[in-house]
Structure formats: C-alpha cells, structure tokens
Protein backbone atom coordinates (compact mmCIF):
# COMPACT_ATOMS: atom_id res chain seq x y z
CA MET A 1 37.61 33.55 112.16
CA ASP A 2 39.16 30.72 110.19
CA GLU A 3 36.56 27.97 110.35
CA LYS A 4 34.24 27.48 107.38
CA GLN A 5 30.64 27.69 108.48
CA THR A 6 27.95 25.60 106.87
CA SER A 7 25.90 27.99 104.75
CA SER A 8 22.89 27.00 102.68
CA THR A 9 23.21 27.62 98.98
CA ASN A 10 21.65 30.73 97.49
CA PHE A 11 21.51 32.52 94.16
CA ILE A 12 24.70 34.51 94.90
CA ARG A 13 26.67 31.35 95.58
CA GLU A 14 25.25 29.81 92.41
CA ILE A 15 26.48 32.83 90.38
CA ILE A 16 29.93 32.64 91.97
CA GLU A 17 30.20 28.89 91.41
CA GLU A 18 29.23 29.35 87.75
CA ASP A 19 31.92 32.07 87.43
CA LEU A 20 34.48 29.72 88.97
CA ARG A 21 33.52 26.90 86.57
CA ASN A 22 34.05 29.31 83.68
CA ASN A 23 37.33 30.59 85.18
CA LYS A 24 35.95 34.10 85.15
CA ASN A 25 38.22 36.57 86.96
CA ASN A 26 40.95 33.90 86.67
CA GLY A 27 39.21 31.92 89.39
CA ARG A 28 39.36 34.78 91.88
CA VAL A 29 36.63 35.69 94.37
CA HIS A 30 37.11 39.13 95.93
CA THR A 31 34.33 40.89 97.84
CA ARG A 32 34.15 43.96 100.02
CA PHE A 33 32.08 45.39 102.86
CA PRO A 34 31.72 49.11 102.05
CA PRO A 35 30.02 51.05 104.88
CA GLU A 36 29.57 54.80 104.80
CA PRO A 37 31.05 56.18 108.07
CA ASN A 38 27.95 58.26 108.85
CA GLY A 39 26.44 56.16 111.64
CA TYR A 40 26.74 53.00 113.67
CA LEU A 41 26.27 49.58 112.11
CA HIS A 42 23.08 47.66 112.85
CA ILE A 43 21.92 44.06 112.54
CA GLY A 44 21.14 44.62 108.84
CA HIS A 45 24.78 45.49 108.25
CA ALA A 46 25.72 42.33 110.16
CA LYS A 47 23.88 40.32 107.50
CA ALA A 48 25.94 42.04 104.77
CA ILE A 49 29.18 41.59 106.75
CA CYS A 50 28.54 37.87 107.21
CA LEU A 51 27.66 37.50 103.54
CA ASN A 52 30.69 39.32 102.13
CA PHE A 53 33.27 37.88 104.50
CA GLY A 54 31.59 34.46 104.45
CA ILE A 55 31.65 34.26 100.64
CA ALA A 56 35.34 35.18 100.61
CA ARG A 57 36.11 32.61 103.30
CA ASP A 58 34.17 29.78 101.68
CA TYR A 59 35.68 30.29 98.22
CA ASN A 60 39.26 30.90 99.37
CA GLY A 61 38.97 34.52 98.35
CA LEU A 62 39.50 37.92 99.91
CA CYS A 63 37.20 40.50 101.46
CA ASN A 64 38.12 44.16 101.91
CA LEU A 65 36.80 46.60 104.47
CA ARG A 66 36.32 49.87 102.65
CA PHE A 67 34.87 53.10 103.98
CA ASP A 68 32.91 54.94 101.29
CA ASP A 69 33.77 58.32 102.76
CA THR A 70 32.65 60.64 99.96
CA ASN A 71 30.34 62.88 102.02
CA PRO A 72 32.45 64.53 104.74
CA SER A 73 29.57 66.66 106.06
CA LYS A 74 27.96 63.53 107.58
CA GLU A 75 31.03 61.46 108.42
CA ASP A 76 33.07 61.17 111.57
CA VAL A 77 36.08 59.26 112.91
CA GLU A 78 33.82 58.07 115.74
CA TYR A 79 31.82 56.08 113.18
CA VAL A 80 34.96 54.73 111.53
CA ASP A 81 36.27 53.45 114.87
CA SER A 82 32.93 51.90 115.80
CA ILE A 83 32.65 50.09 112.46
CA ILE A 84 36.16 48.64 112.79
CA GLU A 85 35.33 47.43 116.31
CA ASP A 86 32.00 45.92 115.24
CA VAL A 87 33.37 43.98 112.26
CA ARG A 88 36.23 42.62 114.36
CA TRP A 89 33.86 41.70 117.18
CA LEU A 90 31.70 39.74 114.74
CA GLY A 91 34.78 37.60 114.09
CA PHE A 92 35.99 38.79 110.69
CA ASP A 93 39.45 39.90 109.60
CA TRP A 94 40.34 41.95 106.53
CA GLY A 95 44.10 41.52 106.97
CA ASP A 96 45.91 44.52 105.48
CA ARG A 97 42.98 45.37 103.19
CA MET A 98 41.30 48.28 104.95
CA TYR A 99 40.71 51.03 102.43
CA TYR A 100 38.87 54.32 102.05
CA ALA A 101 37.25 55.79 98.95
CA SER A 102 39.25 58.90 99.88
CA ASP A 103 42.40 56.87 99.11
CA TYR A 104 41.29 57.10 95.49
CA PHE A 105 40.25 60.77 95.28
CA GLN A 106 43.11 61.61 92.89
CA GLN A 107 42.42 58.62 90.66
CA LEU A 108 38.68 59.32 90.69
CA TYR A 109 39.42 62.90 89.68
CA GLU A 110 41.57 61.66 86.79
CA PHE A 111 38.80 59.30 85.71
CA ALA A 112 36.44 62.29 85.65
CA ILE A 113 38.88 64.20 83.47
CA GLU A 114 38.92 61.21 81.11
CA LEU A 115 35.11 61.15 80.93
CA ILE A 116 35.09 64.83 80.03
CA LYS A 117 37.68 64.28 77.31
CA LYS A 118 35.59 61.41 75.92
CA GLY A 119 32.59 63.73 75.74
CA LYS A 120 30.82 61.68 78.42
CA ALA A 121 30.68 64.34 81.16
CA TYR A 122 30.08 68.08 81.32
CA VAL A 123 30.13 70.91 83.83
CA ASP A 124 26.72 72.38 84.62
CA PRO A 125 25.95 75.56 86.63
CA SER A 126 22.27 74.63 86.99
CA SER A 127 20.93 74.80 90.53
CA PRO A 128 19.90 71.62 92.37
CA GLU A 129 16.27 72.67 91.95
CA GLU A 130 16.69 73.10 88.18
CA ILE A 131 18.47 69.75 87.84
CA ARG A 132 15.71 68.07 89.82
CA GLU A 133 13.00 69.72 87.71
CA HIS A 134 14.73 68.77 84.45
CA LYS A 135 15.01 65.12 85.50
CA GLY A 136 11.41 64.49 84.49
CA THR A 137 9.23 61.79 86.03
CA LEU A 138 8.72 58.06 85.73
CA SER A 139 6.22 58.70 82.94
CA GLU A 140 7.86 61.73 81.30
CA PRO A 141 11.40 62.04 79.87
CA GLY A 142 13.85 64.54 81.27
CA LYS A 143 14.91 67.81 79.67
CA GLU A 144 18.49 68.33 78.56
CA SER A 145 20.50 71.01 80.33
CA PRO A 146 21.34 73.99 78.09
CA TYR A 147 24.98 73.34 79.06
CA ARG A 148 24.95 69.66 78.08
CA ASN A 149 26.70 70.21 74.77
CA ARG A 150 29.20 72.83 75.83
CA PRO A 151 32.66 72.27 74.28
CA ILE A 152 34.84 69.61 75.92
CA GLU A 153 37.67 72.12 76.47
CA GLU A 154 35.28 74.44 78.30
CA SER A 155 34.02 71.70 80.65
CA LEU A 156 37.60 70.58 81.21
CA ASP A 157 38.71 74.09 82.14
CA LEU A 158 35.73 74.63 84.45
CA PHE A 159 36.23 71.27 86.19
CA ILE A 160 39.90 72.00 86.87
CA LYS A 161 38.88 75.38 88.32
CA MET A 162 36.25 73.63 90.46
CA LYS A 163 39.05 71.51 91.93
CA GLU A 164 41.25 74.58 92.44
CA GLY A 165 38.55 76.26 94.52
CA LYS A 166 37.81 79.05 92.05
CA PHE A 167 34.03 78.77 92.46
CA GLU A 168 31.55 78.95 95.33
CA ASP A 169 29.93 75.87 96.81
CA GLY A 170 27.00 74.72 94.71
CA SER A 171 27.79 76.97 91.77
CA TYR A 172 28.84 74.14 89.45
CA VAL A 173 28.53 70.35 89.26
CA LEU A 174 29.99 67.75 86.97
CA ARG A 175 27.36 65.53 85.33
CA ALA A 176 27.69 62.33 83.35
CA LYS A 177 26.27 62.65 79.84
CA ILE A 178 24.08 59.57 79.43
CA ASP A 179 20.42 59.73 78.38
CA MET A 180 17.83 62.25 79.58
CA SER A 181 15.04 60.11 78.10
CA SER A 182 16.11 56.88 79.86
CA PRO A 183 13.26 55.10 81.65
CA ASN A 184 15.71 54.79 84.57
CA ILE A 185 15.85 58.23 86.18
CA HIS A 186 19.29 57.44 87.64
CA MET A 187 20.63 57.40 84.07
CA ARG A 188 19.41 60.92 83.30
CA ASP A 189 22.74 62.72 83.46
CA PRO A 190 23.49 62.12 87.15
CA VAL A 191 25.70 64.50 89.12
CA ILE A 192 29.09 62.89 89.74
CA TYR A 193 31.00 65.76 91.42
CA ARG A 194 29.93 68.72 93.53
CA ILE A 195 31.76 71.62 95.17
CA LYS A 196 31.67 71.27 98.94
CA ARG A 197 34.05 73.08 101.22
CA VAL A 198 33.91 70.70 104.16
CA THR A 199 36.94 69.40 106.04
CA HIS A 200 37.33 65.68 105.41
CA HIS A 201 38.24 63.46 108.36
CA ARG A 202 41.18 62.01 106.40
CA THR A 203 42.14 64.43 103.62
CA GLY A 204 41.53 67.62 105.57
CA ASP A 205 41.02 70.62 103.27
CA LYS A 206 42.96 69.19 100.32
CA TRP A 207 39.79 68.77 98.28
CA CYS A 208 36.85 71.11 97.81
CA ILE A 209 35.12 68.84 95.29
CA TYR A 210 33.85 65.41 96.27
CA PRO A 211 32.61 62.53 94.11
CA MET A 212 29.07 61.23 94.44
CA TYR A 213 28.55 57.74 95.85
CA ASP A 214 27.18 56.24 92.60
CA TYR A 215 30.32 57.37 90.78
CA ALA A 216 32.91 56.51 93.43
CA HIS A 217 31.51 53.10 94.31
CA PRO A 218 31.99 51.13 91.07
CA LEU A 219 35.35 52.72 90.39
CA SER A 220 36.58 51.98 93.93
CA ASP A 221 35.47 48.37 93.40
CA TRP A 222 37.45 48.23 90.15
CA ILE A 223 40.56 49.81 91.68
CA GLU A 224 40.55 47.16 94.43
CA GLY A 225 40.03 44.26 92.02
CA ILE A 226 36.63 43.35 93.41
CA THR A 227 34.99 40.54 91.46
CA HIS A 228 31.54 40.43 93.02
CA SER A 229 30.03 43.63 94.40
CA LEU A 230 27.23 42.47 96.71
CA CYS A 231 24.65 45.17 97.44
CA THR A 232 21.18 45.36 98.95
CA LEU A 233 18.14 45.42 96.72
CA GLU A 234 17.64 49.19 96.68
CA PHE A 235 20.79 49.42 94.53
CA GLU A 236 19.31 47.26 91.78
CA ILE A 237 18.03 50.33 89.93
CA HIS A 238 21.53 51.85 90.25
CA ARG A 239 23.21 48.86 88.55
CA PRO A 240 22.98 50.24 84.97
CA LEU A 241 24.80 53.35 86.20
CA TYR A 242 27.38 51.18 88.03
CA ASP A 243 28.07 49.36 84.76
CA TRP A 244 27.98 52.55 82.64
CA PHE A 245 30.93 54.18 84.44
CA LEU A 246 33.05 51.05 84.03
CA GLU A 247 32.14 50.72 80.35
CA ALA A 248 32.51 54.43 79.56
CA LEU A 249 36.06 54.34 80.91
CA GLU A 250 36.72 51.11 78.95
CA LEU A 251 37.99 49.35 82.08
CA GLU A 252 38.76 45.66 81.82
CA ASN A 253 38.05 42.95 84.43
CA ARG A 254 34.96 44.75 85.62
CA PRO A 255 33.29 43.78 88.89
CA ARG A 256 29.74 42.48 88.79
CA GLN A 257 27.09 44.01 91.02
CA ILE A 258 24.63 41.51 92.54
CA GLU A 259 21.72 42.61 94.70
CA PHE A 260 20.09 40.79 97.61
CA ALA A 261 17.21 41.65 99.94
CA ARG A 262 18.11 43.73 102.95
CA LEU A 263 17.17 42.64 106.45
CA ASN A 264 13.93 44.06 107.84
CA LEU A 265 13.39 43.05 111.45
CA SER A 266 10.07 43.18 113.27
CA TYR A 267 9.53 45.48 116.27
CA THR A 268 12.36 47.80 115.28
CA VAL A 269 13.52 50.22 112.58
CA MET A 270 16.60 49.77 110.42
CA SER A 271 16.99 53.25 108.96
CA LYS A 272 20.14 55.01 110.18
CA ARG A 273 18.31 58.32 109.87
CA LYS A 274 15.46 57.16 112.09
CA LEU A 275 17.83 55.52 114.56
CA LEU A 276 19.66 58.86 114.74
CA GLU A 277 16.33 60.53 115.61
CA LEU A 278 15.91 58.16 118.54
CA VAL A 279 19.39 59.06 119.78
CA GLU A 280 19.17 62.81 119.22
CA GLU A 281 15.72 63.11 120.81
CA GLY A 282 16.82 61.15 123.89
CA ILE A 283 14.30 58.35 123.36
CA VAL A 284 17.20 55.95 123.83
CA SER A 285 20.38 56.57 125.79
CA GLY A 286 22.71 56.37 122.78
CA TRP A 287 23.75 54.26 119.81
CA ASP A 288 24.70 51.45 122.21
CA ASP A 289 21.40 51.46 124.09
CA PRO A 290 20.59 47.74 124.44
CA ARG A 291 17.17 48.31 122.85
CA MET A 292 18.78 49.51 119.63
CA PRO A 293 19.36 47.10 116.72
CA THR A 294 22.92 48.41 116.42
CA ILE A 295 25.73 45.90 116.73
CA CYS A 296 27.16 47.82 119.70
CA GLY A 297 23.68 47.85 121.29
CA LEU A 298 23.28 44.11 120.81
CA ARG A 299 26.78 43.56 122.21
CA ARG A 300 25.96 45.62 125.29
CA ARG A 301 22.73 43.69 125.71
CA GLY A 302 24.69 40.43 125.84
CA TYR A 303 24.44 39.05 122.33
CA THR A 304 27.39 36.97 121.17
CA PRO A 305 29.04 37.23 117.75
CA GLU A 306 28.32 33.54 117.23
CA SER A 307 24.58 34.07 117.75
CA ILE A 308 24.49 36.89 115.21
CA ARG A 309 26.46 34.89 112.65
CA ASN A 310 24.11 31.94 113.17
CA PHE A 311 21.11 34.25 112.79
CA ALA A 312 22.50 35.60 109.52
CA ASP A 313 22.97 32.05 108.27
CA LYS A 314 19.41 31.04 109.25
CA ILE A 315 17.66 33.94 107.52
CA GLY A 316 19.56 33.22 104.32
CA ILE A 317 19.84 35.34 101.18
CA SER A 318 16.95 36.09 98.86
CA LYS A 319 15.95 38.50 96.10
CA ARG A 320 12.68 39.60 97.70
CA ASP A 321 12.20 41.93 100.66
CA SER A 322 10.37 40.51 103.66
CA LEU A 323 9.96 41.13 107.37
CA THR A 324 12.01 38.79 109.58
CA ASP A 325 10.51 37.92 112.95
CA VAL A 326 12.72 39.22 115.77
CA ALA A 327 11.84 35.96 117.57
CA LEU A 328 14.37 34.21 115.30
CA LEU A 329 17.13 36.56 116.47
CA GLU A 330 16.09 35.94 120.08
CA HIS A 331 16.08 32.20 119.44
CA SER A 332 19.63 32.40 118.09
CA ILE A 333 20.99 34.00 121.27
CA ARG A 334 19.05 31.61 123.53
CA GLU A 335 20.39 28.65 121.58
CA ASP A 336 23.95 29.95 121.94
CA LEU A 337 23.82 31.01 125.59
CA ASN A 338 22.01 27.86 126.66
CA LYS A 339 25.18 25.96 125.78
CA ARG A 340 27.71 28.35 127.30
CA ALA A 341 26.11 30.51 129.99
CA GLN A 342 26.94 29.93 133.66
CA ARG A 343 23.78 29.45 135.75
CA VAL A 344 23.22 31.88 138.61
CA MET A 345 20.71 32.15 141.45
CA ALA A 346 19.21 35.64 141.43
CA VAL A 347 16.07 37.13 142.91
CA LEU A 348 14.82 40.27 141.17
CA ASN A 349 11.85 41.16 143.38
CA PRO A 350 12.83 39.78 146.77
CA LEU A 351 10.49 38.54 149.47
CA LYS A 352 12.08 37.52 152.75
CA VAL A 353 11.54 33.97 154.01
CA ILE A 354 12.46 32.78 157.52
CA ILE A 355 12.76 29.02 157.86
CA THR A 356 11.71 28.81 161.48
CA ASN A 357 12.88 25.25 162.17
CA TYR A 358 16.33 25.74 160.64
CA PRO A 359 19.01 26.37 163.30
CA GLU A 360 20.02 29.99 163.79
CA GLY A 361 23.60 30.69 162.72
CA LYS A 362 23.90 27.49 160.71
CA VAL A 363 25.23 27.74 157.15
CA GLU A 364 25.10 24.75 154.87
CA GLU A 365 27.06 24.18 151.66
CA LEU A 366 25.04 22.73 148.79
CA GLU A 367 25.98 21.82 145.22
CA ALA A 368 24.58 23.59 142.15
CA VAL A 369 25.13 22.65 138.52
CA ASN A 370 26.90 25.35 136.53
CA ASN A 371 25.36 24.37 133.20
CA PRO A 372 23.29 21.21 132.65
CA GLU A 373 24.01 21.43 128.91
CA ASP A 374 27.77 21.23 129.49
CA PRO A 375 28.91 18.86 132.27
CA SER A 376 32.50 20.02 131.77
CA MET A 377 31.54 23.31 133.44
CA GLY A 378 31.20 21.36 136.69
CA LYS A 379 29.45 22.39 139.86
CA ARG A 380 29.75 25.16 142.45
CA LYS A 381 29.04 25.58 146.14
CA ILE A 382 26.01 27.60 147.16
CA TYR A 383 25.04 28.47 150.71
CA PHE A 384 21.84 27.77 152.58
CA SER A 385 20.78 29.53 155.79
CA ARG A 386 17.76 30.24 157.98
CA GLU A 387 16.91 33.46 156.10
CA ILE A 388 16.53 33.49 152.34
CA TYR A 389 14.96 35.55 149.58
CA VAL A 390 12.49 34.20 147.04
CA GLU A 391 10.75 35.96 144.15
CA ARG A 392 7.66 37.87 145.28
CA ASP A 393 5.89 36.49 142.20
CA ASP A 394 6.47 32.98 143.51
CA PHE A 395 4.02 33.63 146.37
CA ARG A 396 0.26 34.16 146.26
CA GLU A 397 -1.87 34.63 149.33
CA ASP A 398 -4.95 33.68 147.28
CA PRO A 399 -3.53 31.57 144.45
CA PRO A 400 -5.30 30.70 141.20
CA LYS A 401 -6.19 27.06 140.60
CA ASP A 402 -3.02 25.94 138.79
CA PHE A 403 -0.54 27.88 140.93
CA HIS A 404 2.05 25.38 142.20
CA ARG A 405 4.41 27.70 144.01
CA LEU A 406 4.27 29.14 147.51
CA PHE A 407 0.96 29.92 149.24
CA PRO A 408 -0.28 29.36 152.79
CA GLY A 409 -0.17 25.65 153.59
CA ASN A 410 1.56 24.66 150.36
CA GLU A 411 4.98 23.08 149.81
CA VAL A 412 7.59 23.78 147.15
CA ARG A 413 11.12 22.66 146.51
CA LEU A 414 13.92 25.18 146.77
CA LYS A 415 16.18 24.34 143.85
CA TYR A 416 19.30 22.40 144.93
CA ALA A 417 18.04 22.52 148.55
CA TYR A 418 14.97 21.35 150.51
CA ILE A 419 11.21 21.22 150.41
CA ILE A 420 9.67 24.01 152.45
CA LYS A 421 6.12 24.70 153.59
CA CYS A 422 4.53 28.14 154.03
CA ASN A 423 3.04 28.43 157.48
CA GLU A 424 2.55 32.13 158.19
CA VAL A 425 2.34 35.41 156.27
CA ILE A 426 3.72 38.51 158.00
CA LYS A 427 2.37 41.93 157.01
CA ASP A 428 3.15 45.50 157.96
CA SER A 429 0.65 48.01 159.36
CA SER A 430 -0.51 48.84 155.83
CA GLY A 431 -1.28 45.25 155.00
CA ASN A 432 1.74 44.73 152.77
CA ILE A 433 3.40 41.31 152.90
CA ILE A 434 6.93 41.73 154.25
CA GLU A 435 8.01 38.16 155.00
CA LEU A 436 6.95 34.53 155.10
CA HIS A 437 7.54 32.02 157.87
CA CYS A 438 8.16 28.53 156.57
CA THR A 439 9.45 25.20 157.79
CA TYR A 440 11.73 22.83 155.92
CA ASP A 441 11.84 19.05 155.75
CA PRO A 442 15.46 18.06 156.55
CA GLU A 443 14.93 14.66 154.90
CA THR A 444 14.40 16.21 151.45
CA LYS A 445 17.84 17.60 150.75
CA SER A 446 18.50 17.65 147.02
CA GLY A 447 20.58 14.66 145.99
CA SER A 448 19.87 12.78 149.23
CA GLY A 449 17.71 10.16 147.56
CA SER A 450 14.48 11.37 149.14
CA LYS A 451 11.44 10.14 147.26
CA ARG A 452 9.23 13.03 148.36
CA SER A 453 8.18 15.23 145.49
CA VAL A 454 6.14 18.38 145.06
CA LYS A 455 4.81 20.10 141.95
CA GLY A 456 6.66 23.39 142.26
CA THR A 457 10.37 24.27 142.27
CA ILE A 458 11.54 27.83 142.84
CA HIS A 459 14.89 29.61 143.02
CA TRP A 460 16.22 31.53 146.01
CA VAL A 461 19.31 33.10 147.54
CA SER A 462 20.63 33.05 151.08
CA ILE A 463 20.34 36.54 152.59
CA PRO A 464 23.82 36.54 154.17
CA HIS A 465 25.31 35.14 150.95
CA SER A 466 23.97 37.54 148.36
CA PHE A 467 24.74 41.04 147.13
CA ASP A 468 22.61 43.89 145.83
CA ALA A 469 22.51 44.72 142.14
CA GLU A 470 20.57 46.76 139.61
CA VAL A 471 18.83 44.80 136.88
CA ARG A 472 17.58 46.35 133.65
CA LEU A 473 14.82 44.43 131.93
CA TYR A 474 14.91 45.20 128.21
CA ASP A 475 12.08 44.36 125.86
CA ARG A 476 11.21 45.11 122.24
CA LEU A 477 11.52 48.79 121.40
CA PHE A 478 8.20 49.12 119.53
CA LEU A 479 4.64 47.99 120.22
CA VAL A 480 3.94 46.88 116.65
CA GLU A 481 5.72 44.59 114.19
CA ASN A 482 6.31 47.24 111.54
CA PRO A 483 6.27 50.73 113.11
CA LEU A 484 6.97 52.44 109.77
CA ALA A 485 3.88 50.90 108.14
CA VAL A 486 1.28 52.33 110.54
CA GLU A 487 -0.61 55.05 108.71
CA GLY A 488 -1.16 58.36 110.45
CA LYS A 489 1.42 57.67 113.15
CA ASP A 490 4.93 58.92 113.63
CA PHE A 491 7.03 55.85 114.34
CA LYS A 492 8.20 57.40 117.62
CA GLU A 493 4.61 57.36 118.90
CA LEU A 494 4.74 53.57 118.81
CA ILE A 495 7.61 53.17 121.28
CA ASN A 496 6.96 50.44 123.83
CA PRO A 497 6.70 52.20 127.23
CA ASP A 498 7.82 48.96 128.90
CA SER A 499 10.89 48.49 126.70
CA LEU A 500 13.03 49.23 129.78
CA LYS A 501 12.26 48.53 133.41
CA ILE A 502 14.93 49.19 136.04
CA LEU A 503 14.86 47.11 139.21
CA LYS A 504 16.91 48.16 142.22
CA ASN A 505 18.01 46.03 145.18
CA CYS A 506 17.92 42.73 143.32
CA LYS A 507 19.73 39.92 145.11
CA ILE A 508 22.45 37.85 143.42
CA GLU A 509 24.28 34.87 144.88
CA SER A 510 27.59 35.92 146.38
CA ASN A 511 29.71 33.66 144.14
CA PHE A 512 29.37 36.28 141.41
CA ILE A 513 30.38 39.42 143.25
CA ASN A 514 33.51 39.81 141.08
CA VAL A 515 31.84 39.67 137.67
CA LYS A 516 33.06 42.06 134.98
CA PRO A 517 31.27 44.02 132.22
CA GLY A 518 30.37 41.73 129.34
CA ASP A 519 30.14 38.53 131.42
CA ARG A 520 27.03 36.54 130.49
CA PHE A 521 24.81 34.34 132.67
CA GLN A 522 21.52 32.57 132.87
CA PHE A 523 19.57 33.65 135.94
CA GLU A 524 17.71 30.47 136.91
CA ARG A 525 14.09 30.59 135.68
CA LEU A 526 14.40 34.28 134.70
CA GLY A 527 16.37 34.58 131.50
CA TYR A 528 19.81 35.41 130.13
CA PHE A 529 21.67 38.43 131.49
CA CYS A 530 24.99 40.17 131.05
CA VAL A 531 26.98 42.61 133.14
CA ASP A 532 26.52 46.14 131.80
CA LEU A 533 29.27 48.64 130.99
CA ASP A 534 27.94 50.83 133.82
CA SER A 535 28.94 48.21 136.39
CA THR A 536 31.65 49.03 138.88
CA ASP A 537 33.38 46.96 141.52
CA SER A 538 31.03 48.39 144.14
CA TYR A 539 27.81 48.56 142.12
CA LYS A 540 26.77 45.80 139.74
CA VAL A 541 24.36 46.34 136.85
CA PHE A 542 22.91 43.47 134.81
CA ASN A 543 21.07 43.72 131.48
CA ARG A 544 18.51 41.18 130.46
CA THR A 545 19.58 39.87 127.07
CA VAL A 546 16.46 37.81 126.49
CA SER A 547 13.87 35.92 128.52
CA LEU A 548 13.75 32.13 128.66
CA LYS A 549 10.51 31.89 126.69
CA ASP A 550 11.33 30.93 123.10
CA THR A 551 8.45 31.53 120.71
CA TRP A 552 10.53 30.71 117.63
CA ALA A 553 11.46 27.27 118.95
CA LYS A 554 7.74 26.54 119.34
CA ILE A 555 7.08 27.72 115.78
CA GLU A 556 9.86 25.47 114.45
CA LYS A 557 8.55 22.52 116.44
CA LYS A 558 5.04 22.95 114.99
CA ASN A 559 6.44 23.11 111.49
C-alpha cells in the first residue's frame, strides 16, 4: 500500500518528529510489528499493524515483520502463515524484512555470555516456585538467591553446559543480576534463559535453551536497527528492563520503547487465551468464525482491509486504556461498503405473492441501480413475473398503526417495479399464511413518470428468476459490553445465543448465481453480506457482515 493516509497527530508522532528535528538516529525511522506466533491476529493487532507500518510509511522509513518465536511449546507454523496472510491482506508490505527472533539465537546466546562475563548474569538452580517466592511483593523487597554471587567462571561453565544439553529441563536458569529490592518486580533478577527440550518450528532440536521474551525483544530490536519500538501499555512496566539489557551490553544507537493503549472492543474479548478457549470448547467454529474479532474472522464476515485501516485511524492512539464501542467498527465497514457494494434483491424469509391480474407466462425486464452512491457502476436488468417472493415480515394481517407495508387492502410499491394491492390472504389447513393474492397497477411502472405514490416500498424477487441460498445472520458474540468485567460470571456464560442464526431456502435474484467466496453485496433493505468460504457452485452461502442500521452515525450526528 503506497498511498499516504491522513492520520491525526498523536504523542508518538510528536516524539518521532522531535527526534527527526534533532537528527536522532541520523534521521531514520524504523519500526517493527513483532507478533508471537502462538495464535491468530485479532482487531487489536490490526491497530498495532496500522500504527507501525503507517508510521514507517508516513516518515519515509521502514517497518519489519518479526516473529518473536522464543517459546516453541506454544508456537506453530500455522500461526506464522496466518499472520503473514493477515498483514498482507491489510495492505502492508515488509519487503525483504521478514525476520524471526530465532534468526538471532546464536547472537542472543553470545550476548548472554557477555552479561555473565560482566558479572551481570548468573546461573541459578532454584526452582520456579523458589524464584517466585524470593521475588517479594509490591510492598516488600525480594530476597537474593544464594547462588547470586557465585563466581563468574562457574556461571559461565554452567551456562555452556546448559546449552550443550548436560542438564534436565528446569534444573537451571540464567538470571540477570539487577536489583532484588527494586520497586519494579520485573527488575528483580529476571530469568533470561531456561532449559526446554522442545522442537522449534524453525531451528528444530538445535537448541535446548531458549531466551525469555523480555530479554530477546530489546536485543532483536537493536540487531535490526529499530529506532522506535512501539508497544502496548502493559509493556510500560517492562521498559526499564528493556533499557537495562541495552545499557548493560553497552550497545550504541539504542531503540526507544514507546507505549500506547491497546484496543479494547465492546461485546467481545481480545485475549488470545480466551479466544482459544472459545475455539477449543467449540463455542465458535474456529479462529475464522465470523463472530470472532480475529482478522481472518472479520475477513470471512466480509470486512474490507480499507474499513479496518479507517477504523484504526478513527480510534487514534492514546496513553490511556478505554473501551471502544464496536459500533464504530461497524460504522467503518458500512461507510466503506456503501460506496462499493453491488446492490442485490434478496428475500430471506419468503412469502409467495401471486399478482392475479398480471398475464401468465409474461416476463418483463426492468432496470435496477447497481449502486446509487456510484453511478459508474451502472444498472442491471431484473425480471418481473406473475409470481414473486416478498419478505414475510413485510406483511401483517393485523398491522400496527404505523405499518406501511403489505396488509389486506393496502398498497405498496415493489422497488423498481409497480404498485401492488393486497386483496386476499391464503392459508393452509393449520391457519398458516402460505401466499398472498395481489393486483398491480400497470400505470405505475417505476420510471414511467406516474405521479401515484404510496408510503411503503418493499423488495422482492421473481420466483422463476431466483435461486436458493443459505444465509447466516451474525450478531455480536456477547450479551454485555465488557464480558470480562461481570463479577461472578465466567465470560463464556455471557455468549449471545442469537449471535448466529442460519436461514435456509432464502431467495436471491438470479443475476448473482455465479458469485464467488469473498464477493460482497448489499441486500436491499437488509444489510451487507458476503459469500462465505463454504459456498460451492451448486450451494451458495452468504454471511451477514453488518445490518444497515448505523448507531454510530447517529451518535456522530448528535455530537
């Protein structure tokens, strides 16, 4: 994506512009997006992707894609492949700068050797429980390990043997020697290497020791020449440790870590661990379930990369955590699809209508606008016949006062067609309505100049000129804005039971029989839909991306 998008200023841009004025980093701007390949990316990651790649783009800099793959027990090539696909789909390109922390395992090991030689790291056989207990609390200092002051040569020898596989998993760790009385618990001699005999998806069984994230991350940034390391707010307390490793190794041209608030979105959860629970327990159909906030789920639901980039730009960057209304995300996709989506006539809950005064066997070609927002998309032919389908919800036998659609004796306009009047209601032996008998006014053809008007306009499809399809109506996954904040409830108890409704035997106008997975449309009066991956040539499946009702637009208008 080459074009520069208009982005509002924020504190990160102000820092970068000040650095550029001072010629810091020799005028370079180099960022990175550093996902751990232990799950699928979600809309929160999209915010970080847009920020890192957008900053690089807007300041003529570079942005790397780097996989922080330091924990092979939770990582998988499947996640790597999905992340690559998602970042590309969002419209960003890292050129030849795709890296892995595992690319630097040898250099990270050598840095650890250097820390030991400087007396800034030591090998400790304490158990995880002992290390945790000795850390202390927020109000009490930690307790030094009895092995903290072992001779440098001894730690060096033990660490080399750790690498050579001479010890059992968990028997030794390498710890940084910092300050066990630091008010920041992360500075109390953190573990920087552990023994872990797990096959790595890239390095195989070459290594049996793996660096911890807090150690590998700043050094990987430095190795790649990163100037501005943009992280979410939970890493703010880790920043002194980030800086300590760079200073302890006396590295020049150090990157600067800057934290920003992560995205919290209403009516969903953004924790990879909790999203994994939903997948593993079968509450959703997979990581790409269209109800999931994952990028692949949003893609399958019909979201466009442009809408997500615009959403990221609208929410902006701040230093304080807050809950973003999902209505803004929904507004972003409506705004985008309103301009580009082909209009389609579709009936989801069909009710048969026979127009009794329309000649049997006659088929009439009418004109329909493909997109009123974009005249260049032109018009298409639709077909009108004696027998049509309308939405069952567009008929009431006993209508409320302000109901302006079909009911006995009332008239409505069929969009792009004629005014019809309901004359008779046909029921089966159980009293269920099975069809309506109506008459049409041949003088009211749309575009004919007729001055007759009625209050209601409804959509329809010709029965002989439609095909059957399955339509999946997706809604918000949870019943409450913040499912993790409800006391006494497991978040999974708050799943919206109506987050998915599957409708069979929906009727779609025949012009669209050859649609392909990923194609997006507006079903007239019903919402925006896309063709699902489950669709085949013989069986079409459509997902509702979002309804037409836009609560955010109303909020903006009021403000």
